[in-house]
Amino acid sequence: MDNLTHSLVGLAASKAGLEKLSPGTTVLCILAANGPDCDIVTLIGGRSNYLHHHRGITHSILGAIVLGLALPLIFYFADRLMASIRARQPAVRLKGLMIASLLVSATHPFMDWTNNYGIRPFLPWSSQWFYGDFIFIVDPFLWTILGGACLLLTSNSKLRLGIWLLLALLLTYLVLTVPIQRNLERPIILRTIWTFVLIGLLVLFKLGVAQRWRSRIALAALVMVPMYWGSLATLHWIAVNKARIEAGVIVSRYGERISDLAVMATLANPFQWSCVVETESAAYRFELPITGHHRALSQLVRHDRADTADSPAIEQALQDERARIFLDFARFPVARVVGADCLTQTLVQLADLRYTQPGGGRGAFSLDVPVDCPTQDTGQAGRPPT
């Protein structure tokens, strides 16, 4: 999930009662909720290095425990150091910080599991990826649930209220513009819900409900999150069943068999799902609405699998260290050869079909590898079906 959502989880958990365990718990909870993403430092080594390590050991069970124990110790010794400098008694309580940190640290890998990026929870013993697929990696509905509760409970000064207003304006801008950029179907639904939530929060703030309900607001939000997840998981189950039928029709046209199937959430639309089907030689992607007429076959794209393609150029590209790292990460690696006529630079375009197609240029989710002229390659890999 995005770091705003993780931060809101940490803040809500603190306001739900964890802040009573020790001074400094609120800051600790926000940091612990984001702790596993400390692997961002691997960007120093370049994009491939980050791809290799992101959602690695810090997102595993072992990593979450280590981080959950390390953060309170840092807080504890920092507080003792400041206490000695200022000649005062230490304020933080290590046991309370440990409890809060371990609880909140555990939420990060679990939330990251729910989307299609996945996690490797059993590192360093096993590098197998696990994917939930039923939540999009950025979910504005989670922002409304968690952010609304946190806004009501922490807007107790003009400065904090101003910060929340700026954040609300930024998120509102994203809600108004991003659906257009991503061709989101029926964006009016998201915008209507967002508008009513903002109006509702304004009314609740004016009524002063935070002073009356206090931690129960945060508790209610934290209960609503798994309820929301449960509804999405149910819709995901329905989508998977429908996708199997569609996938069977698709692969039968090519005389292939399904080896893997993923049905993944889309941005702010629980009734529209992205599907990827993998066979022994190819991968297919299509969009699947679970209401109304199925349009999957008219939106179908097909690409050769990068790890099984019979192509001298692709075989050469896969010897590149960056390509090997990419294959370790990619769930549905596909490939296309560009410039196989040797008139221009020959490229092997790799992509993870979860996110983009070859040549799509989606950051770490695609890779162009220059290769020598493949004299035996036709350059026809990755043609869409006709």
Protein backbone atom coordinates (compact mmCIF):
# COMPACT_ATOMS: atom_id res chain seq x y z
CA MET A 1 0.00 0.00 0.00
CA ASP A 2 0.98 3.64 -0.31
CA ASN A 3 2.76 5.24 2.64
CA LEU A 4 -0.11 7.61 3.37
CA THR A 5 -2.35 4.62 4.09
CA HIS A 6 0.31 2.99 6.27
CA SER A 7 0.77 6.27 8.18
CA LEU A 8 -2.98 6.60 8.75
CA VAL A 9 -3.09 3.04 10.11
CA GLY A 10 -0.33 3.86 12.58
CA LEU A 11 -1.99 7.11 13.65
CA ALA A 12 -5.41 5.48 14.01
CA ALA A 13 -3.94 2.61 16.05
CA SER A 14 -2.32 5.10 18.40
CA LYS A 15 -5.52 7.12 18.81
CA ALA A 16 -7.49 3.91 19.38
CA GLY A 17 -5.69 3.45 22.70
CA LEU A 18 -2.06 2.55 22.10
CA GLU A 19 -0.97 6.12 22.90
CA LYS A 20 -1.81 5.43 26.54
CA LEU A 21 0.99 2.85 26.77
CA SER A 22 3.83 5.37 26.76
CA PRO A 23 4.76 8.92 25.82
CA GLY A 24 5.98 9.05 22.21
CA THR A 25 3.74 6.21 21.09
CA THR A 26 1.99 8.20 18.36
CA VAL A 27 5.23 9.08 16.57
CA LEU A 28 6.47 5.53 17.09
CA CYS A 29 3.29 4.03 15.60
CA ILE A 30 3.54 6.15 12.46
CA LEU A 31 7.19 5.19 12.00
CA ALA A 32 6.53 1.51 12.76
CA ALA A 33 3.67 1.45 10.25
CA ASN A 34 6.14 2.58 7.56
CA GLY A 35 9.21 0.78 8.91
CA PRO A 36 9.45 -2.05 6.35
CA ASP A 37 9.69 0.50 3.55
CA CYS A 38 13.13 1.45 4.83
CA ASP A 39 14.31 -0.78 1.97
CA ILE A 40 13.94 2.34 -0.19
CA VAL A 41 17.61 2.99 0.63
CA THR A 42 18.45 0.30 -1.92
CA LEU A 43 17.57 2.82 -4.63
CA ILE A 44 21.13 4.06 -4.12
CA GLY A 45 22.22 1.00 -6.06
CA GLY A 46 19.92 1.73 -8.98
CA ARG A 47 16.51 0.60 -10.18
CA SER A 48 17.39 -3.08 -10.54
CA ASN A 49 18.89 -3.18 -7.06
CA TYR A 50 15.72 -1.68 -5.62
CA LEU A 51 13.54 -4.14 -7.54
CA HIS A 52 15.64 -6.99 -6.14
CA HIS A 53 15.34 -5.87 -2.51
CA HIS A 54 11.97 -4.09 -2.31
CA ARG A 55 9.41 -6.05 -0.31
CA GLY A 56 12.24 -8.31 0.67
CA ILE A 57 13.54 -9.14 4.12
CA THR A 58 12.06 -6.01 5.74
CA HIS A 59 8.58 -7.16 4.67
CA SER A 60 9.04 -10.71 5.93
CA ILE A 61 7.81 -12.06 9.25
CA LEU A 62 11.36 -12.01 10.59
CA GLY A 63 11.98 -8.50 9.31
CA ALA A 64 8.78 -7.12 10.80
CA ILE A 65 9.67 -8.57 14.20
CA VAL A 66 13.21 -7.17 14.10
CA LEU A 67 11.98 -3.71 13.09
CA GLY A 68 9.21 -3.90 15.66
CA LEU A 69 11.79 -4.49 18.37
CA ALA A 70 14.46 -2.10 17.07
CA LEU A 71 12.34 1.06 16.88
CA PRO A 72 11.29 1.05 20.57
CA LEU A 73 14.90 0.49 21.62
CA ILE A 74 15.97 3.51 19.56
CA PHE A 75 13.23 5.60 21.18
CA TYR A 76 14.09 4.29 24.63
CA PHE A 77 17.82 5.01 24.49
CA ALA A 78 17.28 8.36 22.74
CA ASP A 79 14.91 9.36 25.55
CA ARG A 80 17.42 8.31 28.21
CA LEU A 81 20.16 10.30 26.44
CA MET A 82 17.96 13.42 26.28
CA ALA A 83 16.96 12.91 29.91
CA SER A 84 20.61 12.86 31.00
CA ILE A 85 21.40 15.97 28.95
CA ARG A 86 18.41 17.89 30.34
CA ALA A 87 18.74 16.47 33.86
CA ARG A 88 15.23 15.00 33.95
CA GLN A 89 13.69 11.58 34.48
CA PRO A 90 13.24 9.32 31.41
CA ALA A 91 9.68 9.56 30.10
CA VAL A 92 9.06 6.64 27.75
CA ARG A 93 8.10 3.17 28.93
CA LEU A 94 9.91 0.48 26.96
CA LYS A 95 7.28 -2.24 27.48
CA GLY A 96 4.49 -0.02 26.18
CA LEU A 97 6.54 1.01 23.17
CA MET A 98 7.36 -2.64 22.41
CA ILE A 99 3.70 -3.67 22.45
CA ALA A 100 2.62 -0.77 20.23
CA SER A 101 5.52 -1.19 17.81
CA LEU A 102 5.09 -4.94 17.30
CA LEU A 103 1.34 -4.60 16.74
CA VAL A 104 1.64 -1.78 14.23
CA SER A 105 4.70 -3.22 12.45
CA ALA A 106 2.69 -6.36 11.71
CA THR A 107 0.09 -4.34 9.81
CA HIS A 108 2.54 -3.28 7.10
CA PRO A 109 3.39 -6.64 5.49
CA PHE A 110 -0.21 -7.79 5.90
CA MET A 111 -1.55 -4.74 4.07
CA ASP A 112 1.09 -5.11 1.38
CA TRP A 113 0.05 -8.73 0.89
CA THR A 114 -3.51 -7.67 0.01
CA ASN A 115 -2.51 -6.13 -3.34
CA ASN A 116 -0.97 -7.62 -6.48
CA TYR A 117 2.62 -6.55 -5.74
CA GLY A 118 2.81 -9.20 -3.05
CA ILE A 119 5.34 -10.02 -0.33
CA ARG A 120 7.86 -12.74 0.48
CA PRO A 121 6.96 -13.44 4.12
CA PHE A 122 9.32 -16.37 4.70
CA LEU A 123 12.59 -14.74 3.74
CA PRO A 124 15.42 -15.57 4.22
CA TRP A 125 14.36 -19.24 4.13
CA SER A 126 12.04 -19.03 1.13
CA SER A 127 11.77 -16.39 -1.62
CA GLN A 128 8.28 -17.43 -2.71
CA TRP A 129 5.91 -14.54 -3.40
CA PHE A 130 2.36 -14.40 -2.01
CA TYR A 131 -0.33 -12.13 -3.46
CA GLY A 132 -3.75 -11.10 -2.15
CA ASP A 133 -4.85 -9.34 -5.36
CA PHE A 134 -8.12 -8.01 -3.94
CA ILE A 135 -7.06 -4.44 -3.09
CA PHE A 136 -5.50 -1.89 -5.42
CA ILE A 137 -2.16 -0.57 -4.21
CA VAL A 138 -3.68 2.92 -3.75
CA ASP A 139 -7.21 2.95 -2.35
CA PRO A 140 -8.98 6.30 -1.82
CA PHE A 141 -11.73 4.57 0.15
CA LEU A 142 -9.16 3.58 2.79
CA TRP A 143 -8.08 7.21 2.87
CA THR A 144 -11.64 8.25 3.71
CA ILE A 145 -12.11 5.62 6.43
CA LEU A 146 -8.80 6.05 8.22
CA GLY A 147 -8.11 9.66 7.30
CA GLY A 148 -11.54 10.80 8.42
CA ALA A 149 -11.09 9.29 11.87
CA CYS A 150 -7.57 10.70 12.25
CA LEU A 151 -8.67 14.15 11.11
CA LEU A 152 -11.43 14.32 13.71
CA LEU A 153 -9.15 13.13 16.51
CA THR A 154 -6.07 15.25 15.80
CA SER A 155 -7.44 18.59 14.50
CA ASN A 156 -7.20 20.17 17.94
CA SER A 157 -5.06 23.14 16.92
CA LYS A 158 -5.02 25.61 14.05
CA LEU A 159 -1.71 24.24 12.79
CA ARG A 160 -2.91 20.64 12.68
CA LEU A 161 -6.21 21.65 11.13
CA GLY A 162 -4.32 23.58 8.47
CA ILE A 163 -2.17 20.53 7.70
CA TRP A 164 -5.26 18.36 7.33
CA LEU A 165 -6.90 20.92 5.05
CA LEU A 166 -3.84 21.01 2.81
CA LEU A 167 -3.80 17.21 2.68
CA ALA A 168 -7.53 17.14 1.90
CA LEU A 169 -7.02 19.61 -0.95
CA LEU A 170 -4.17 17.54 -2.39
CA LEU A 171 -6.13 14.29 -2.21
CA THR A 172 -9.21 15.95 -3.66
CA TYR A 173 -7.12 17.14 -6.60
CA LEU A 174 -5.91 13.56 -7.15
CA VAL A 175 -9.44 12.18 -6.92
CA LEU A 176 -10.60 14.69 -9.54
CA THR A 177 -7.70 14.24 -11.98
CA VAL A 178 -6.24 10.73 -11.71
CA PRO A 179 -9.46 8.89 -12.77
CA ILE A 180 -9.34 10.81 -16.07
CA GLN A 181 -5.67 10.01 -16.61
CA ARG A 182 -6.24 6.29 -15.94
CA ASN A 183 -9.50 6.13 -17.93
CA LEU A 184 -11.42 5.06 -14.85
CA GLU A 185 -14.94 3.98 -15.69
CA ARG A 186 -17.70 5.92 -13.94
CA PRO A 187 -15.42 8.30 -12.00
CA ILE A 188 -18.54 10.14 -10.87
CA ILE A 189 -19.11 7.39 -8.29
CA LEU A 190 -15.74 7.95 -6.63
CA ARG A 191 -16.11 11.73 -6.76
CA THR A 192 -19.60 11.62 -5.29
CA ILE A 193 -18.53 9.39 -2.40
CA TRP A 194 -15.48 11.57 -1.78
CA THR A 195 -17.59 14.75 -1.74
CA PHE A 196 -20.16 13.35 0.67
CA VAL A 197 -17.40 12.09 2.98
CA LEU A 198 -15.78 15.54 3.08
CA ILE A 199 -19.13 17.17 3.84
CA GLY A 200 -19.84 14.57 6.53
CA LEU A 201 -16.46 15.13 8.16
CA LEU A 202 -17.04 18.89 8.20
CA VAL A 203 -20.40 18.40 9.94
CA LEU A 204 -18.92 15.96 12.48
CA PHE A 205 -16.04 18.33 13.16
CA LYS A 206 -18.44 21.24 13.77
CA LEU A 207 -20.52 19.06 16.10
CA GLY A 208 -17.43 18.25 18.15
CA VAL A 209 -17.92 14.49 18.06
CA ALA A 210 -14.22 13.90 18.77
CA GLN A 211 -14.60 15.31 22.27
CA ARG A 212 -17.50 12.96 22.99
CA TRP A 213 -16.47 9.73 21.27
CA ARG A 214 -12.65 10.03 21.45
CA SER A 215 -10.87 6.71 20.87
CA ARG A 216 -14.08 5.02 19.76
CA ILE A 217 -13.82 6.91 16.47
CA ALA A 218 -10.44 5.35 15.73
CA LEU A 219 -11.65 1.94 16.88
CA ALA A 220 -14.66 2.20 14.57
CA ALA A 221 -12.38 3.06 11.63
CA LEU A 222 -10.08 0.14 12.38
CA VAL A 223 -13.10 -2.19 12.48
CA MET A 224 -14.45 -0.79 9.22
CA VAL A 225 -11.20 -1.53 7.37
CA PRO A 226 -11.40 -5.36 7.66
CA MET A 227 -15.13 -5.16 6.89
CA TYR A 228 -14.28 -3.27 3.70
CA TRP A 229 -11.57 -5.81 2.91
CA GLY A 230 -14.07 -8.61 3.43
CA SER A 231 -16.45 -7.11 0.89
CA LEU A 232 -13.62 -6.73 -1.63
CA ALA A 233 -12.48 -10.30 -1.00
CA THR A 234 -16.03 -11.50 -1.74
CA LEU A 235 -16.14 -9.55 -5.00
CA HIS A 236 -12.68 -10.92 -5.83
CA TRP A 237 -13.95 -14.48 -5.38
CA ILE A 238 -16.83 -13.74 -7.77
CA ALA A 239 -14.42 -12.20 -10.27
CA VAL A 240 -12.07 -15.22 -10.11
CA ASN A 241 -14.92 -17.60 -10.93
CA LYS A 242 -15.97 -15.47 -13.90
CA ALA A 243 -12.37 -15.07 -15.05
CA ARG A 244 -11.84 -18.84 -15.16
CA ILE A 245 -14.70 -19.13 -17.64
CA GLU A 246 -13.35 -16.29 -19.80
CA ALA A 247 -9.82 -17.68 -19.63
CA GLY A 248 -10.97 -21.11 -20.74
CA VAL A 249 -12.53 -19.57 -23.86
CA ILE A 250 -9.38 -17.57 -24.61
CA VAL A 251 -6.77 -20.32 -24.32
CA SER A 252 -8.93 -22.84 -26.18
CA ARG A 253 -8.57 -20.67 -29.29
CA TYR A 254 -4.82 -21.38 -29.25
CA GLY A 255 -4.93 -24.97 -28.09
CA GLU A 256 -3.21 -24.06 -24.81
CA ARG A 257 -3.81 -24.87 -21.16
CA ILE A 258 -4.02 -22.50 -18.21
CA SER A 259 -1.01 -22.73 -15.90
CA ASP A 260 -1.71 -19.63 -13.79
CA LEU A 261 -4.47 -17.07 -13.37
CA ALA A 262 -4.53 -13.78 -11.48
CA VAL A 263 -7.53 -11.52 -10.97
CA MET A 264 -6.43 -8.14 -9.66
CA ALA A 265 -8.18 -5.10 -8.24
CA THR A 266 -8.36 -1.87 -10.22
CA LEU A 267 -8.31 1.72 -9.00
CA ALA A 268 -11.46 2.68 -7.06
CA ASN A 269 -13.72 0.26 -8.93
CA PRO A 270 -14.57 -2.99 -7.11
CA PHE A 271 -16.70 -4.13 -10.05
CA GLN A 272 -13.87 -4.00 -12.61
CA TRP A 273 -10.94 -6.42 -12.39
CA SER A 274 -7.75 -6.90 -14.39
CA CYS A 275 -7.01 -10.49 -15.33
CA VAL A 276 -3.81 -12.16 -16.47
CA VAL A 277 -3.82 -15.75 -17.74
CA GLU A 278 -0.60 -17.69 -18.26
CA THR A 279 -0.15 -20.81 -20.36
CA GLU A 280 2.88 -22.91 -21.19
CA SER A 281 4.03 -20.39 -23.83
CA ALA A 282 2.09 -17.13 -23.54
CA ALA A 283 0.38 -14.68 -21.20
CA TYR A 284 -2.91 -12.90 -21.83
CA ARG A 285 -4.37 -9.83 -20.20
CA PHE A 286 -7.96 -8.60 -20.29
CA GLU A 287 -10.35 -6.47 -18.26
CA LEU A 288 -13.28 -8.19 -16.60
CA PRO A 289 -16.41 -6.37 -15.37
CA ILE A 290 -18.35 -8.56 -12.97
CA THR A 291 -21.58 -6.75 -13.77
CA GLY A 292 -23.13 -6.34 -17.19
CA HIS A 293 -21.79 -7.67 -20.48
CA HIS A 294 -18.38 -9.34 -20.58
CA ARG A 295 -16.02 -7.48 -22.89
CA ALA A 296 -12.89 -9.47 -22.13
CA LEU A 297 -12.28 -10.92 -25.58
CA SER A 298 -12.48 -7.52 -27.27
CA GLN A 299 -9.79 -6.13 -24.93
CA LEU A 300 -7.45 -9.09 -25.08
CA VAL A 301 -3.68 -8.72 -25.47
CA ARG A 302 -1.30 -11.64 -25.88
CA HIS A 303 2.46 -11.83 -25.42
CA ASP A 304 5.07 -14.56 -25.42
CA ARG A 305 6.38 -15.53 -22.02
CA ALA A 306 9.87 -14.20 -21.45
CA ASP A 307 10.99 -17.29 -19.55
CA THR A 308 9.93 -19.81 -22.23
CA ALA A 309 10.15 -17.89 -25.53
CA ASP A 310 12.11 -19.73 -28.25
CA SER A 311 14.10 -16.75 -29.50
CA PRO A 312 17.88 -16.26 -29.77
CA ALA A 313 17.48 -12.56 -28.95
CA ILE A 314 15.43 -13.23 -25.83
CA GLU A 315 17.78 -15.98 -24.72
CA GLN A 316 20.67 -13.55 -25.08
CA ALA A 317 18.82 -10.82 -23.16
CA LEU A 318 18.06 -13.14 -20.27
CA GLN A 319 21.78 -13.52 -19.62
CA ASP A 320 21.86 -9.87 -18.54
CA GLU A 321 22.00 -9.44 -14.76
CA ARG A 322 19.20 -6.86 -14.86
CA ALA A 323 17.00 -9.31 -16.75
CA ARG A 324 17.65 -12.07 -14.21
CA ILE A 325 16.64 -9.72 -11.39
CA PHE A 326 13.57 -8.73 -13.35
CA LEU A 327 12.52 -12.36 -13.85
CA ASP A 328 12.93 -13.04 -10.13
CA PHE A 329 10.44 -10.24 -9.46
CA ALA A 330 8.00 -10.51 -12.38
CA ARG A 331 4.94 -12.62 -11.83
CA PHE A 332 3.96 -12.68 -15.50
CA PRO A 333 7.12 -11.86 -17.48
CA VAL A 334 6.54 -11.29 -21.21
CA ALA A 335 8.87 -10.22 -23.98
CA ARG A 336 8.96 -8.58 -27.39
CA VAL A 337 11.87 -8.19 -29.82
CA VAL A 338 12.23 -4.83 -31.52
CA GLY A 339 14.64 -4.20 -34.40
CA ALA A 340 15.22 -7.84 -35.25
CA ASP A 341 15.83 -6.81 -38.89
CA CYS A 342 19.18 -5.43 -37.69
CA LEU A 343 18.59 -2.09 -39.40
CA THR A 344 18.42 -0.42 -35.98
CA GLN A 345 19.49 -1.33 -32.46
CA THR A 346 17.91 -4.64 -31.51
CA LEU A 347 16.09 -4.50 -28.19
CA VAL A 348 14.39 -7.14 -26.11
CA GLN A 349 11.57 -5.43 -24.25
CA LEU A 350 10.62 -7.22 -21.02
CA ALA A 351 7.56 -6.39 -18.96
CA ASP A 352 5.49 -7.71 -16.10
CA LEU A 353 2.00 -8.04 -17.57
CA ARG A 354 0.46 -7.22 -14.20
CA TYR A 355 1.35 -3.59 -14.76
CA THR A 356 2.37 -2.89 -18.34
CA GLN A 357 3.18 -4.32 -21.76
CA PRO A 358 6.58 -4.52 -23.45
CA GLY A 359 7.66 -1.02 -24.38
CA GLY A 360 5.17 0.47 -21.93
CA GLY A 361 7.88 2.20 -19.91
CA ARG A 362 6.30 1.71 -16.45
CA GLY A 363 9.41 2.28 -14.31
CA ALA A 364 10.69 -0.86 -12.61
CA PHE A 365 7.95 -2.97 -14.23
CA SER A 366 9.57 -2.99 -17.69
CA LEU A 367 13.10 -3.33 -19.00
CA ASP A 368 14.71 -2.81 -22.40
CA VAL A 369 17.82 -4.91 -22.98
CA PRO A 370 20.01 -4.20 -26.05
CA VAL A 371 21.28 -7.36 -27.73
CA ASP A 372 23.40 -8.31 -30.74
CA CYS A 373 21.67 -8.75 -34.08
CA PRO A 374 19.61 -11.98 -33.81
CA THR A 375 20.10 -13.42 -37.28
CA GLN A 376 17.69 -16.29 -36.59
CA ASP A 377 14.96 -14.21 -34.95
CA THR A 378 11.85 -13.14 -36.85
CA GLY A 379 11.03 -10.27 -34.51
CA GLN A 380 7.40 -11.38 -34.34
CA ALA A 381 7.29 -12.27 -30.66
CA GLY A 382 4.47 -10.72 -28.75
CA ARG A 383 1.94 -10.13 -31.52
CA PRO A 384 -1.60 -9.54 -30.25
CA PRO A 385 -4.16 -12.08 -31.38
CA THR A 386 -6.10 -11.42 -34.55
